Amino acid sequence: MEESNGTAAAPNRTTVILLGVIVVLLLAIVGYFAFAGNGGTADDAADTGTAETTGMTGTTTEVEFDPATAVKVPEGQTPEQYVSAYFDAVVAGDFATAYAMLPTAKQAEYGSEAAFTTQLTGYGVTAYTIDDFTEEGEEARVTATASMPGGNFQYLWTFVKEGEVWLVKSRTLPGMGQ
């Protein structure tokens, strides 16, 4: 007759506990990345004129495109020139100018010029290209690619014309599943 002293059950119980701890830690990591400012909020929103913002401010709000409060393209400047001026400012590190040029919804997403500056400084944009410009009726679209150490990102800027003035409607990242 064999004696059982119960030592075989202890390693099995320890293994189960360790696996449980690992699962909890993995869930915590996934939760952190899912809910912490992921930076992929309104930039990744479809070009609908609205933006859900969660990244910089930590709150969720929706900002509708409102022509009355929209950023205006300076007189005598085309939408394509406007996007070039924006990226010239970013490459030069003039984040105050670049922030002021963002669509209203993007400004709301970042929450402040300081938050925008922090994020763009981290990107380290070194160059850009204007890839495409289309104008159809009262809407213009400019596609530009920003070059940075982490890779290249293509942005789509959308403008609408009200009278003789171009308004900055949105800036999205169409290459990110949009």
N, C-alpha and C. Protein backbone atom coordinates (compact mmCIF):
# COMPACT_ATOMS: atom_id res chain seq x y z
N MET A 1 0.84 -1.16 0.00
CA MET A 1 0.00 0.00 0.00
C MET A 1 0.89 1.24 0.00
N GLU A 2 0.57 2.21 -0.91
CA GLU A 2 1.35 3.44 -0.99
C GLU A 2 0.78 4.49 -0.08
N GLU A 3 1.70 5.27 0.48
CA GLU A 3 1.26 6.38 1.32
C GLU A 3 1.25 7.65 0.50
N SER A 4 0.31 8.47 0.76
CA SER A 4 0.22 9.78 0.07
C SER A 4 0.38 10.86 1.11
N ASN A 5 1.37 11.72 0.91
CA ASN A 5 1.59 12.78 1.90
C ASN A 5 1.07 14.13 1.42
N GLY A 6 0.48 14.21 0.20
CA GLY A 6 -0.15 15.44 -0.28
C GLY A 6 0.82 16.43 -0.92
N THR A 7 2.06 16.05 -1.13
CA THR A 7 3.02 17.00 -1.71
C THR A 7 2.82 17.18 -3.20
N ALA A 8 2.22 16.26 -3.89
CA ALA A 8 2.01 16.39 -5.33
C ALA A 8 0.98 17.48 -5.63
N ALA A 9 0.05 17.70 -4.75
CA ALA A 9 -0.98 18.71 -4.98
C ALA A 9 -0.44 20.12 -4.83
N ALA A 10 0.56 20.31 -4.00
CA ALA A 10 1.09 21.66 -3.76
C ALA A 10 1.68 22.28 -5.02
N PRO A 11 2.52 21.58 -5.80
CA PRO A 11 3.05 22.21 -7.03
C PRO A 11 1.94 22.53 -8.03
N ASN A 12 0.92 21.70 -8.13
CA ASN A 12 -0.18 21.98 -9.04
C ASN A 12 -0.93 23.24 -8.62
N ARG A 13 -1.14 23.38 -7.33
CA ARG A 13 -1.85 24.56 -6.82
C ARG A 13 -1.01 25.82 -7.07
N THR A 14 0.29 25.73 -6.87
CA THR A 14 1.19 26.86 -7.10
C THR A 14 1.17 27.26 -8.57
N THR A 15 1.17 26.29 -9.45
CA THR A 15 1.13 26.56 -10.89
C THR A 15 -0.15 27.28 -11.26
N VAL A 16 -1.26 26.83 -10.74
CA VAL A 16 -2.55 27.47 -11.03
C VAL A 16 -2.56 28.91 -10.52
N ILE A 17 -2.03 29.15 -9.35
CA ILE A 17 -1.97 30.50 -8.78
C ILE A 17 -1.09 31.39 -9.65
N LEU A 18 0.08 30.88 -10.05
CA LEU A 18 0.99 31.67 -10.89
C LEU A 18 0.35 31.99 -12.24
N LEU A 19 -0.34 31.04 -12.83
CA LEU A 19 -1.03 31.29 -14.10
C LEU A 19 -2.12 32.35 -13.92
N GLY A 20 -2.82 32.29 -12.81
CA GLY A 20 -3.84 33.29 -12.52
C GLY A 20 -3.25 34.69 -12.40
N VAL A 21 -2.11 34.80 -11.73
CA VAL A 21 -1.43 36.09 -11.58
C VAL A 21 -1.00 36.61 -12.95
N ILE A 22 -0.47 35.74 -13.79
CA ILE A 22 -0.05 36.14 -15.13
C ILE A 22 -1.23 36.65 -15.95
N VAL A 23 -2.36 35.96 -15.87
CA VAL A 23 -3.56 36.38 -16.60
C VAL A 23 -4.01 37.76 -16.12
N VAL A 24 -4.01 37.98 -14.81
CA VAL A 24 -4.42 39.28 -14.26
C VAL A 24 -3.48 40.38 -14.74
N LEU A 25 -2.17 40.11 -14.74
CA LEU A 25 -1.21 41.11 -15.21
C LEU A 25 -1.40 41.41 -16.70
N LEU A 26 -1.63 40.39 -17.50
CA LEU A 26 -1.88 40.61 -18.93
C LEU A 26 -3.13 41.44 -19.16
N LEU A 27 -4.18 41.15 -18.39
CA LEU A 27 -5.40 41.94 -18.52
C LEU A 27 -5.17 43.39 -18.11
N ALA A 28 -4.37 43.60 -17.09
CA ALA A 28 -4.05 44.96 -16.66
C ALA A 28 -3.28 45.71 -17.74
N ILE A 29 -2.34 45.04 -18.39
CA ILE A 29 -1.56 45.67 -19.46
C ILE A 29 -2.46 46.01 -20.64
N VAL A 30 -3.30 45.08 -21.05
CA VAL A 30 -4.23 45.33 -22.15
C VAL A 30 -5.17 46.48 -21.79
N GLY A 31 -5.67 46.48 -20.58
CA GLY A 31 -6.55 47.56 -20.14
C GLY A 31 -5.85 48.90 -20.15
N TYR A 32 -4.61 48.94 -19.75
CA TYR A 32 -3.85 50.19 -19.76
C TYR A 32 -3.75 50.74 -21.17
N PHE A 33 -3.35 49.90 -22.13
CA PHE A 33 -3.21 50.37 -23.50
C PHE A 33 -4.55 50.70 -24.14
N ALA A 34 -5.60 50.03 -23.74
CA ALA A 34 -6.91 50.30 -24.31
C ALA A 34 -7.52 51.59 -23.79
N PHE A 35 -7.26 51.92 -22.52
CA PHE A 35 -7.93 53.06 -21.92
C PHE A 35 -7.03 54.26 -21.65
N ALA A 36 -5.73 54.07 -21.61
CA ALA A 36 -4.82 55.21 -21.42
C ALA A 36 -4.73 55.95 -22.74
N GLY A 37 -4.47 57.26 -22.70
CA GLY A 37 -4.40 58.08 -23.90
C GLY A 37 -3.65 57.42 -25.03
N ASN A 38 -4.37 56.79 -25.93
CA ASN A 38 -3.74 56.03 -26.99
C ASN A 38 -3.35 56.87 -28.19
N GLY A 39 -3.68 58.17 -28.20
CA GLY A 39 -3.25 59.02 -29.29
C GLY A 39 -3.93 58.71 -30.60
N GLY A 40 -4.83 57.81 -30.65
CA GLY A 40 -5.44 57.46 -31.91
C GLY A 40 -6.92 57.75 -31.91
N THR A 41 -7.30 58.87 -31.44
CA THR A 41 -8.71 59.19 -31.28
C THR A 41 -9.24 59.90 -32.52
N ALA A 42 -9.39 61.19 -32.45
CA ALA A 42 -10.00 61.90 -33.56
C ALA A 42 -9.15 61.86 -34.81
N ASP A 43 -7.85 61.71 -34.68
CA ASP A 43 -7.01 61.59 -35.86
C ASP A 43 -7.47 60.42 -36.71
N ASP A 44 -7.95 59.39 -36.06
CA ASP A 44 -8.36 58.20 -36.77
C ASP A 44 -9.85 58.18 -37.09
N ALA A 45 -10.56 59.23 -36.70
CA ALA A 45 -12.00 59.27 -36.94
C ALA A 45 -12.26 59.44 -38.43
N ALA A 46 -13.35 58.90 -38.88
CA ALA A 46 -13.72 59.09 -40.28
C ALA A 46 -13.97 60.57 -40.53
N ASP A 47 -13.84 60.98 -41.77
CA ASP A 47 -13.97 62.39 -42.11
C ASP A 47 -15.45 62.76 -42.16
N THR A 48 -16.06 62.91 -41.00
CA THR A 48 -17.47 63.22 -40.92
C THR A 48 -17.73 64.62 -40.42
N GLY A 49 -16.68 65.31 -40.01
CA GLY A 49 -16.88 66.64 -39.46
C GLY A 49 -17.08 66.60 -37.96
N THR A 50 -17.08 65.42 -37.37
CA THR A 50 -17.16 65.31 -35.92
C THR A 50 -15.96 64.52 -35.44
N ALA A 51 -15.67 64.66 -34.17
CA ALA A 51 -14.53 63.93 -33.62
C ALA A 51 -14.83 63.52 -32.20
N GLU A 52 -14.57 62.28 -31.89
CA GLU A 52 -14.66 61.83 -30.52
C GLU A 52 -13.29 62.04 -29.91
N THR A 53 -13.23 62.69 -28.78
CA THR A 53 -11.93 63.00 -28.21
C THR A 53 -11.76 62.30 -26.87
N THR A 54 -10.67 61.55 -26.77
CA THR A 54 -10.34 60.90 -25.51
C THR A 54 -8.86 60.97 -25.21
N GLY A 55 -8.03 61.21 -26.19
CA GLY A 55 -6.59 61.10 -26.05
C GLY A 55 -5.95 62.05 -25.07
N MET A 56 -5.98 63.34 -25.30
CA MET A 56 -5.19 64.27 -24.52
C MET A 56 -5.91 64.73 -23.25
N THR A 57 -7.21 64.94 -23.31
CA THR A 57 -7.90 65.52 -22.18
C THR A 57 -8.42 64.49 -21.19
N GLY A 58 -8.54 63.23 -21.65
CA GLY A 58 -9.03 62.19 -20.76
C GLY A 58 -10.54 62.17 -20.65
N THR A 59 -11.22 63.06 -21.37
CA THR A 59 -12.68 63.07 -21.34
C THR A 59 -13.19 62.70 -22.72
N THR A 60 -14.43 62.31 -22.79
CA THR A 60 -15.02 61.98 -24.07
C THR A 60 -16.07 63.02 -24.41
N THR A 61 -15.84 63.72 -25.49
CA THR A 61 -16.80 64.69 -25.99
C THR A 61 -16.83 64.57 -27.49
N GLU A 62 -17.86 65.10 -28.08
CA GLU A 62 -17.93 65.10 -29.52
C GLU A 62 -17.98 66.55 -29.98
N VAL A 63 -17.10 66.86 -30.92
CA VAL A 63 -17.01 68.22 -31.43
C VAL A 63 -17.53 68.22 -32.86
N GLU A 64 -18.63 68.88 -33.08
CA GLU A 64 -19.22 69.01 -34.41
C GLU A 64 -18.47 70.07 -35.19
N PHE A 65 -18.39 69.91 -36.50
CA PHE A 65 -17.82 70.95 -37.33
C PHE A 65 -18.81 72.10 -37.37
N ASP A 66 -18.36 73.28 -36.98
CA ASP A 66 -19.20 74.47 -36.95
C ASP A 66 -18.49 75.57 -37.75
N PRO A 67 -19.02 75.93 -38.91
CA PRO A 67 -18.38 76.97 -39.71
C PRO A 67 -18.14 78.27 -38.95
N ALA A 68 -18.99 78.58 -37.98
CA ALA A 68 -18.84 79.83 -37.23
C ALA A 68 -17.59 79.84 -36.37
N THR A 69 -17.15 78.67 -35.90
CA THR A 69 -15.97 78.60 -35.03
C THR A 69 -14.78 77.94 -35.71
N ALA A 70 -14.94 77.58 -36.98
CA ALA A 70 -13.88 76.87 -37.70
C ALA A 70 -12.67 77.77 -37.92
N VAL A 71 -11.51 77.14 -37.98
CA VAL A 71 -10.27 77.84 -38.32
C VAL A 71 -10.35 78.21 -39.80
N LYS A 72 -9.94 79.44 -40.10
CA LYS A 72 -10.02 79.95 -41.47
C LYS A 72 -8.65 79.95 -42.13
N VAL A 73 -8.61 79.61 -43.40
CA VAL A 73 -7.39 79.72 -44.18
C VAL A 73 -7.19 81.20 -44.47
N PRO A 74 -5.98 81.72 -44.24
CA PRO A 74 -5.75 83.15 -44.50
C PRO A 74 -6.06 83.54 -45.95
N GLU A 75 -6.55 84.74 -46.12
CA GLU A 75 -6.88 85.26 -47.45
C GLU A 75 -5.66 85.18 -48.35
N GLY A 76 -5.87 84.73 -49.57
CA GLY A 76 -4.79 84.61 -50.54
C GLY A 76 -4.01 83.31 -50.46
N GLN A 77 -4.36 82.45 -49.51
CA GLN A 77 -3.67 81.16 -49.35
C GLN A 77 -4.60 80.03 -49.77
N THR A 78 -4.09 79.09 -50.53
CA THR A 78 -4.88 77.93 -50.93
C THR A 78 -4.82 76.88 -49.81
N PRO A 79 -5.75 75.93 -49.81
CA PRO A 79 -5.65 74.84 -48.84
C PRO A 79 -4.31 74.10 -48.92
N GLU A 80 -3.80 73.88 -50.12
CA GLU A 80 -2.51 73.20 -50.28
C GLU A 80 -1.38 74.01 -49.64
N GLN A 81 -1.38 75.31 -49.84
CA GLN A 81 -0.37 76.18 -49.21
C GLN A 81 -0.53 76.18 -47.69
N TYR A 82 -1.77 76.11 -47.23
CA TYR A 82 -2.05 76.09 -45.80
C TYR A 82 -1.42 74.85 -45.14
N VAL A 83 -1.63 73.69 -45.77
CA VAL A 83 -1.06 72.44 -45.22
C VAL A 83 0.46 72.51 -45.25
N SER A 84 1.03 73.06 -46.30
CA SER A 84 2.49 73.22 -46.36
C SER A 84 2.97 74.12 -45.23
N ALA A 85 2.25 75.21 -44.98
CA ALA A 85 2.63 76.12 -43.89
C ALA A 85 2.55 75.42 -42.53
N TYR A 86 1.52 74.59 -42.35
CA TYR A 86 1.39 73.82 -41.11
C TYR A 86 2.62 72.93 -40.90
N PHE A 87 2.96 72.14 -41.92
CA PHE A 87 4.09 71.23 -41.77
C PHE A 87 5.43 71.98 -41.70
N ASP A 88 5.55 73.12 -42.38
CA ASP A 88 6.75 73.94 -42.22
C ASP A 88 6.92 74.33 -40.75
N ALA A 89 5.81 74.72 -40.12
CA ALA A 89 5.86 75.09 -38.70
C ALA A 89 6.24 73.90 -37.82
N VAL A 90 5.66 72.73 -38.10
CA VAL A 90 5.96 71.53 -37.31
C VAL A 90 7.44 71.17 -37.44
N VAL A 91 7.95 71.13 -38.67
CA VAL A 91 9.36 70.77 -38.89
C VAL A 91 10.28 71.77 -38.20
N ALA A 92 9.89 73.06 -38.21
CA ALA A 92 10.70 74.10 -37.59
C ALA A 92 10.57 74.11 -36.06
N GLY A 93 9.63 73.33 -35.52
CA GLY A 93 9.43 73.31 -34.08
C GLY A 93 8.58 74.47 -33.58
N ASP A 94 7.88 75.14 -34.48
CA ASP A 94 6.98 76.24 -34.12
C ASP A 94 5.60 75.65 -33.85
N PHE A 95 5.47 74.99 -32.71
CA PHE A 95 4.25 74.26 -32.40
C PHE A 95 3.08 75.18 -32.07
N ALA A 96 3.34 76.39 -31.62
CA ALA A 96 2.25 77.34 -31.35
C ALA A 96 1.53 77.68 -32.65
N THR A 97 2.30 77.95 -33.70
CA THR A 97 1.69 78.24 -35.00
C THR A 97 0.95 77.03 -35.53
N ALA A 98 1.58 75.86 -35.46
CA ALA A 98 0.96 74.64 -35.97
C ALA A 98 -0.34 74.33 -35.22
N TYR A 99 -0.34 74.48 -33.90
CA TYR A 99 -1.54 74.20 -33.10
C TYR A 99 -2.69 75.11 -33.53
N ALA A 100 -2.39 76.38 -33.74
CA ALA A 100 -3.43 77.34 -34.14
C ALA A 100 -4.01 77.02 -35.51
N MET A 101 -3.30 76.27 -36.31
CA MET A 101 -3.74 75.92 -37.66
C MET A 101 -4.59 74.65 -37.70
N LEU A 102 -4.63 73.91 -36.61
CA LEU A 102 -5.40 72.68 -36.56
C LEU A 102 -6.90 72.96 -36.65
N PRO A 103 -7.66 71.99 -37.16
CA PRO A 103 -9.12 72.12 -37.09
C PRO A 103 -9.56 72.25 -35.64
N THR A 104 -10.68 72.89 -35.40
CA THR A 104 -11.19 73.10 -34.06
C THR A 104 -11.32 71.79 -33.29
N ALA A 105 -11.79 70.74 -33.95
CA ALA A 105 -11.95 69.44 -33.28
C ALA A 105 -10.61 68.88 -32.82
N LYS A 106 -9.55 69.08 -33.61
CA LYS A 106 -8.22 68.60 -33.22
C LYS A 106 -7.70 69.39 -32.03
N GLN A 107 -7.93 70.70 -32.03
CA GLN A 107 -7.51 71.51 -30.89
C GLN A 107 -8.21 71.03 -29.62
N ALA A 108 -9.49 70.71 -29.74
CA ALA A 108 -10.24 70.20 -28.59
C ALA A 108 -9.69 68.85 -28.14
N GLU A 109 -9.29 68.02 -29.09
CA GLU A 109 -8.75 66.70 -28.75
C GLU A 109 -7.46 66.83 -27.95
N TYR A 110 -6.56 67.67 -28.41
CA TYR A 110 -5.29 67.84 -27.69
C TYR A 110 -5.51 68.53 -26.35
N GLY A 111 -6.49 69.40 -26.28
CA GLY A 111 -6.80 70.06 -25.01
C GLY A 111 -6.00 71.31 -24.75
N SER A 112 -4.76 71.35 -25.21
CA SER A 112 -3.93 72.53 -25.00
C SER A 112 -2.77 72.51 -25.98
N GLU A 113 -2.21 73.68 -26.17
CA GLU A 113 -1.02 73.79 -27.01
C GLU A 113 0.13 72.99 -26.41
N ALA A 114 0.22 72.98 -25.08
CA ALA A 114 1.29 72.25 -24.40
C ALA A 114 1.20 70.75 -24.67
N ALA A 115 0.00 70.19 -24.63
CA ALA A 115 -0.19 68.76 -24.91
C ALA A 115 0.17 68.44 -26.36
N PHE A 116 -0.24 69.32 -27.26
CA PHE A 116 0.09 69.17 -28.68
C PHE A 116 1.61 69.20 -28.87
N THR A 117 2.26 70.17 -28.24
CA THR A 117 3.71 70.31 -28.34
C THR A 117 4.42 69.06 -27.84
N THR A 118 3.97 68.53 -26.71
CA THR A 118 4.57 67.31 -26.16
C THR A 118 4.46 66.15 -27.14
N GLN A 119 3.28 65.97 -27.70
CA GLN A 119 3.08 64.84 -28.61
C GLN A 119 3.89 65.02 -29.88
N LEU A 120 3.86 66.21 -30.48
CA LEU A 120 4.59 66.42 -31.73
C LEU A 120 6.10 66.38 -31.53
N THR A 121 6.57 66.84 -30.39
CA THR A 121 8.00 66.75 -30.09
C THR A 121 8.42 65.29 -30.06
N GLY A 122 7.58 64.44 -29.47
CA GLY A 122 7.85 63.01 -29.43
C GLY A 122 7.88 62.37 -30.80
N TYR A 123 7.08 62.87 -31.72
CA TYR A 123 7.06 62.32 -33.08
C TYR A 123 8.36 62.62 -33.81
N GLY A 124 8.91 63.83 -33.61
CA GLY A 124 10.15 64.20 -34.27
C GLY A 124 10.03 64.30 -35.78
N VAL A 125 8.99 64.99 -36.27
CA VAL A 125 8.78 65.15 -37.70
C VAL A 125 9.98 65.89 -38.30
N THR A 126 10.58 65.30 -39.34
CA THR A 126 11.77 65.89 -39.96
C THR A 126 11.51 66.43 -41.35
N ALA A 127 10.44 65.96 -42.01
CA ALA A 127 10.15 66.40 -43.38
C ALA A 127 8.71 66.03 -43.70
N TYR A 128 8.25 66.51 -44.84
CA TYR A 128 6.90 66.18 -45.30
C TYR A 128 6.85 66.31 -46.82
N THR A 129 5.83 65.71 -47.39
CA THR A 129 5.54 65.90 -48.81
C THR A 129 4.05 66.15 -48.96
N ILE A 130 3.69 66.95 -49.94
CA ILE A 130 2.29 67.11 -50.32
C ILE A 130 2.07 66.08 -51.42
N ASP A 131 1.19 65.13 -51.16
CA ASP A 131 1.00 64.02 -52.08
C ASP A 131 -0.10 64.26 -53.11
N ASP A 132 -1.15 64.93 -52.70
CA ASP A 132 -2.28 65.10 -53.60
C ASP A 132 -3.11 66.30 -53.16
N PHE A 133 -3.72 66.95 -54.12
CA PHE A 133 -4.64 68.05 -53.85
C PHE A 133 -5.80 67.92 -54.82
N THR A 134 -7.02 67.90 -54.27
CA THR A 134 -8.20 67.87 -55.12
C THR A 134 -9.18 68.93 -54.64
N GLU A 135 -9.85 69.53 -55.58
CA GLU A 135 -10.88 70.52 -55.27
C GLU A 135 -12.09 70.20 -56.12
N GLU A 136 -13.20 69.93 -55.41
CA GLU A 136 -14.46 69.64 -56.10
C GLU A 136 -15.54 70.51 -55.49
N GLY A 137 -15.97 71.49 -56.24
CA GLY A 137 -17.01 72.39 -55.76
C GLY A 137 -16.54 73.16 -54.54
N GLU A 138 -17.26 72.98 -53.46
CA GLU A 138 -16.99 73.71 -52.22
C GLU A 138 -16.12 72.92 -51.24
N GLU A 139 -15.47 71.85 -51.71
CA GLU A 139 -14.63 71.05 -50.83
C GLU A 139 -13.26 70.83 -51.47
N ALA A 140 -12.23 70.90 -50.65
CA ALA A 140 -10.87 70.62 -51.09
C ALA A 140 -10.26 69.62 -50.13
N ARG A 141 -9.40 68.76 -50.69
CA ARG A 141 -8.71 67.76 -49.88
C ARG A 141 -7.22 67.80 -50.22
N VAL A 142 -6.42 67.78 -49.16
CA VAL A 142 -4.97 67.77 -49.33
C VAL A 142 -4.44 66.56 -48.57
N THR A 143 -3.67 65.73 -49.26
CA THR A 143 -3.03 64.59 -48.64
C THR A 143 -1.55 64.90 -48.53
N ALA A 144 -1.01 64.73 -47.32
CA ALA A 144 0.41 65.00 -47.07
C ALA A 144 0.97 63.88 -46.22
N THR A 145 2.25 63.59 -46.42
CA THR A 145 2.94 62.57 -45.64
C THR A 145 4.02 63.20 -44.79
N ALA A 146 3.97 62.94 -43.49
CA ALA A 146 4.98 63.43 -42.56
C ALA A 146 6.00 62.32 -42.34
N SER A 147 7.29 62.68 -42.41
CA SER A 147 8.38 61.72 -42.19
C SER A 147 8.94 61.92 -40.79
N MET A 148 9.08 60.83 -40.07
CA MET A 148 9.62 60.87 -38.71
C MET A 148 10.35 59.57 -38.44
N PRO A 149 11.18 59.54 -37.40
CA PRO A 149 11.96 58.33 -37.13
C PRO A 149 11.12 57.06 -36.99
N GLY A 150 9.90 57.18 -36.48
CA GLY A 150 9.04 56.01 -36.29
C GLY A 150 8.35 55.55 -37.55
N GLY A 151 8.53 56.27 -38.65
CA GLY A 151 7.88 55.91 -39.91
C GLY A 151 7.19 57.11 -40.52
N ASN A 152 6.56 56.89 -41.64
CA ASN A 152 5.84 57.94 -42.33
C ASN A 152 4.35 57.80 -42.08
N PHE A 153 3.68 58.94 -41.88
CA PHE A 153 2.24 58.93 -41.67
C PHE A 153 1.58 59.87 -42.65
N GLN A 154 0.53 59.39 -43.30
CA GLN A 154 -0.19 60.21 -44.26
C GLN A 154 -1.41 60.84 -43.60
N TYR A 155 -1.55 62.12 -43.81
CA TYR A 155 -2.66 62.90 -43.25
C TYR A 155 -3.55 63.38 -44.38
N LEU A 156 -4.84 63.38 -44.13
CA LEU A 156 -5.81 63.94 -45.06
C LEU A 156 -6.45 65.15 -44.41
N TRP A 157 -6.25 66.30 -45.02
CA TRP A 157 -6.86 67.55 -44.56
C TRP A 157 -8.06 67.82 -45.46
N THR A 158 -9.18 68.18 -44.87
CA THR A 158 -10.38 68.51 -45.62
C THR A 158 -10.78 69.95 -45.31
N PHE A 159 -11.10 70.69 -46.36
CA PHE A 159 -11.49 72.09 -46.26
C PHE A 159 -12.83 72.27 -46.94
N VAL A 160 -13.63 73.20 -46.43
CA VAL A 160 -14.88 73.56 -47.08
C VAL A 160 -14.87 75.06 -47.32
N LYS A 161 -15.50 75.45 -48.41
CA LYS A 161 -15.50 76.86 -48.77
C LYS A 161 -16.83 77.48 -48.37
N GLU A 162 -16.74 78.59 -47.69
CA GLU A 162 -17.93 79.35 -47.31
C GLU A 162 -17.74 80.76 -47.87
N GLY A 163 -18.50 81.05 -48.91
CA GLY A 163 -18.29 82.32 -49.61
C GLY A 163 -16.95 82.26 -50.32
N GLU A 164 -16.07 83.19 -49.99
CA GLU A 164 -14.73 83.21 -50.58
C GLU A 164 -13.66 82.68 -49.63
N VAL A 165 -14.08 82.18 -48.47
CA VAL A 165 -13.14 81.76 -47.42
C VAL A 165 -13.12 80.23 -47.30
N TRP A 166 -11.90 79.69 -47.26
CA TRP A 166 -11.75 78.26 -46.98
C TRP A 166 -11.71 78.05 -45.47
N LEU A 167 -12.45 77.05 -44.99
CA LEU A 167 -12.46 76.68 -43.57
C LEU A 167 -11.80 75.32 -43.41
N VAL A 168 -11.06 75.15 -42.32
CA VAL A 168 -10.40 73.88 -42.04
C VAL A 168 -11.41 72.96 -41.35
N LYS A 169 -11.84 71.94 -42.06
CA LYS A 169 -12.88 71.05 -41.53
C LYS A 169 -12.30 69.91 -40.69
N SER A 170 -11.28 69.21 -41.22
CA SER A 170 -10.77 68.06 -40.48
C SER A 170 -9.36 67.71 -40.92
N ARG A 171 -8.70 66.95 -40.06
CA ARG A 171 -7.40 66.33 -40.37
C ARG A 171 -7.47 64.92 -39.83
N THR A 172 -7.33 63.95 -40.72
CA THR A 172 -7.46 62.55 -40.32
C THR A 172 -6.24 61.76 -40.79
N LEU A 173 -6.15 60.54 -40.31
CA LEU A 173 -5.11 59.59 -40.74
C LEU A 173 -5.79 58.48 -41.52
N PRO A 174 -6.01 58.67 -42.82
CA PRO A 174 -6.75 57.64 -43.58
C PRO A 174 -6.03 56.31 -43.68
N GLY A 175 -4.73 56.28 -43.57
CA GLY A 175 -3.97 55.03 -43.67
C GLY A 175 -4.09 54.17 -42.43
N MET A 176 -4.76 54.66 -41.39
CA MET A 176 -4.88 53.90 -40.14
C MET A 176 -6.26 53.26 -40.04
N GLY A 177 -6.73 52.69 -41.17
CA GLY A 177 -8.00 51.97 -41.14
C GLY A 177 -9.21 52.83 -41.41
N GLN A 178 -9.01 54.04 -41.86
CA GLN A 178 -10.14 54.94 -42.12
C GLN A 178 -10.39 55.07 -43.59
